[in-house]
Amino acid sequence: MNNLEDLEYQEGQLAVDIWQTEDEFVIQSTIGGVTEDDLEILAEGETIKISGQRKQTHDVPPENYLRQECYWGKFSRTIVLPEPIDEEKIVATLKNGILTIVLPKLKKKGAPKKISIKKF
């Protein structure tokens, strides 16, 4: 990719920190310049997808840049967690450019049930 204009057609990958406690997973990402309306979070089973767009606030021709290190445009990240999550209890917050998603682990419904085999 030699041309700054090519960046317009690339989708960035969101950088994240992920940790867990006994009861939940937590995903955190710095996404300054993005509003709640610019984000979409989808969860299913053990998978969560975060996508959005960071919109430029100015229009600068590529040839006028001396350096361009900030990412502008669409981004996404799909994360597969090691355990299923309770999709109904997920909480996402966006404060001071930090996205925090708390994903409660799906509680197992008791111990495994032993199935007896009928004799004929």
Protein backbone atom coordinates (compact mmCIF):
# COMPACT_ATOMS: atom_id res chain seq x y z
CA MET A 1 0.00 0.00 0.00
CA ASN A 2 1.95 3.02 -1.24
CA ASN A 3 -0.84 5.52 -1.66
CA LEU A 4 -2.67 7.23 1.20
CA GLU A 5 -5.86 7.04 -0.85
CA ASP A 6 -5.68 3.24 -0.54
CA LEU A 7 -6.33 3.62 3.22
CA GLU A 8 -9.88 4.66 2.40
CA TYR A 9 -10.66 1.15 1.16
CA GLN A 10 -9.02 -0.76 4.03
CA GLU A 11 -10.86 -1.84 7.16
CA GLY A 12 -8.89 -1.47 10.35
CA GLN A 13 -8.73 -4.04 13.12
CA LEU A 14 -9.73 -2.75 16.53
CA ALA A 15 -7.06 -3.20 19.23
CA VAL A 16 -8.46 -4.67 22.45
CA ASP A 17 -7.53 -5.79 25.95
CA ILE A 18 -9.45 -8.83 27.22
CA TRP A 19 -9.44 -10.28 30.71
CA GLN A 20 -11.65 -12.50 32.82
CA THR A 21 -12.83 -12.91 36.36
CA GLU A 22 -14.61 -15.94 37.76
CA ASP A 23 -17.98 -14.64 36.52
CA GLU A 24 -17.31 -12.49 33.46
CA PHE A 25 -15.11 -11.47 30.55
CA VAL A 26 -14.19 -7.83 30.04
CA ILE A 27 -13.19 -6.31 26.71
CA GLN A 28 -11.74 -2.81 26.61
CA SER A 29 -10.60 -0.68 23.68
CA THR A 30 -9.52 2.89 23.07
CA ILE A 31 -11.73 4.33 20.36
CA GLY A 32 -11.40 8.10 20.60
CA GLY A 33 -13.47 10.07 18.12
CA VAL A 34 -16.18 7.41 17.91
CA THR A 35 -19.70 7.91 19.25
CA GLU A 36 -22.22 5.31 20.39
CA ASP A 37 -24.06 5.81 17.09
CA ASP A 38 -20.89 4.86 15.17
CA LEU A 39 -20.62 1.46 16.92
CA GLU A 40 -22.31 -1.90 16.57
CA ILE A 41 -21.78 -4.79 18.98
CA LEU A 42 -23.15 -8.25 18.16
CA ALA A 43 -22.92 -11.28 20.46
CA GLU A 44 -23.73 -14.94 19.87
CA GLY A 45 -22.57 -17.96 21.85
CA GLU A 46 -18.85 -17.46 22.53
CA THR A 47 -18.40 -14.81 19.85
CA ILE A 48 -18.62 -11.04 19.99
CA LYS A 49 -18.14 -8.69 17.04
CA ILE A 50 -17.40 -5.00 17.48
CA SER A 51 -17.56 -2.79 14.40
CA GLY A 52 -17.80 0.88 13.69
CA GLN A 53 -16.35 3.87 11.95
CA ARG A 54 -14.08 6.72 12.97
CA LYS A 55 -15.03 9.68 10.79
CA GLN A 56 -12.55 12.35 9.83
CA THR A 57 -13.48 15.84 10.94
CA HIS A 58 -11.51 17.56 8.18
CA ASP A 59 -10.85 17.10 4.48
CA VAL A 60 -7.14 17.12 3.69
CA PRO A 61 -5.81 16.07 0.29
CA PRO A 62 -3.41 13.11 0.68
CA GLU A 63 -0.51 15.08 -0.81
CA ASN A 64 -0.79 17.67 2.01
CA TYR A 65 -0.07 15.18 4.79
CA LEU A 66 3.41 15.24 6.26
CA ARG A 67 2.54 12.25 8.44
CA GLN A 68 -0.69 10.27 8.87
CA GLU A 69 -0.60 7.78 11.75
CA CYS A 70 -4.19 7.93 13.01
CA TYR A 71 -6.64 5.46 11.57
CA TRP A 72 -9.82 6.88 10.01
CA GLY A 73 -12.56 4.78 8.53
CA LYS A 74 -14.28 1.47 9.20
CA PHE A 75 -12.94 -0.97 11.77
CA SER A 76 -14.03 -4.27 13.27
CA ARG A 77 -12.92 -7.07 15.50
CA THR A 78 -14.41 -10.51 16.05
CA ILE A 79 -13.43 -12.21 19.28
CA VAL A 80 -14.08 -15.84 20.19
CA LEU A 81 -14.12 -16.33 23.95
CA PRO A 82 -13.27 -19.63 25.67
CA GLU A 83 -16.77 -19.98 27.20
CA PRO A 84 -20.33 -19.05 26.20
CA ILE A 85 -21.60 -15.68 27.40
CA ASP A 86 -25.00 -14.63 28.69
CA GLU A 87 -26.10 -12.44 25.78
CA GLU A 88 -29.03 -10.97 27.75
CA LYS A 89 -26.78 -9.49 30.47
CA ILE A 90 -24.00 -7.84 28.43
CA VAL A 91 -23.27 -4.23 29.39
CA ALA A 92 -21.32 -1.88 27.09
CA THR A 93 -20.20 1.63 28.05
CA LEU A 94 -18.31 4.34 26.20
CA LYS A 95 -16.63 6.93 28.40
CA ASN A 96 -13.78 9.31 27.54
CA GLY A 97 -12.96 7.36 24.38
CA ILE A 98 -12.75 4.01 26.19
CA LEU A 99 -15.18 1.25 25.20
CA THR A 100 -15.76 -1.30 27.97
CA ILE A 101 -17.89 -4.39 27.41
CA VAL A 102 -18.71 -6.66 30.35
CA LEU A 103 -19.83 -10.12 29.25
CA PRO A 104 -21.17 -12.37 32.01
CA LYS A 105 -20.23 -16.01 31.60
CA LEU A 106 -23.17 -18.28 30.98
CA LYS A 107 -23.79 -20.21 34.15
CA LYS A 108 -24.07 -23.91 33.66
CA LYS A 109 -27.38 -25.38 34.73
CA GLY A 110 -26.11 -27.60 37.54
CA ALA A 111 -23.97 -30.70 37.40
CA PRO A 112 -24.13 -33.07 34.43
CA LYS A 113 -27.06 -35.42 34.65
CA LYS A 114 -26.31 -39.12 34.54
CA ILE A 115 -28.56 -40.96 32.10
CA SER A 116 -29.44 -44.49 33.06
CA ILE A 117 -29.71 -47.15 30.41
CA LYS A 118 -32.87 -49.27 30.44
CA LYS A 119 -32.43 -53.01 30.35
CA PHE A 120 -34.67 -55.07 28.09
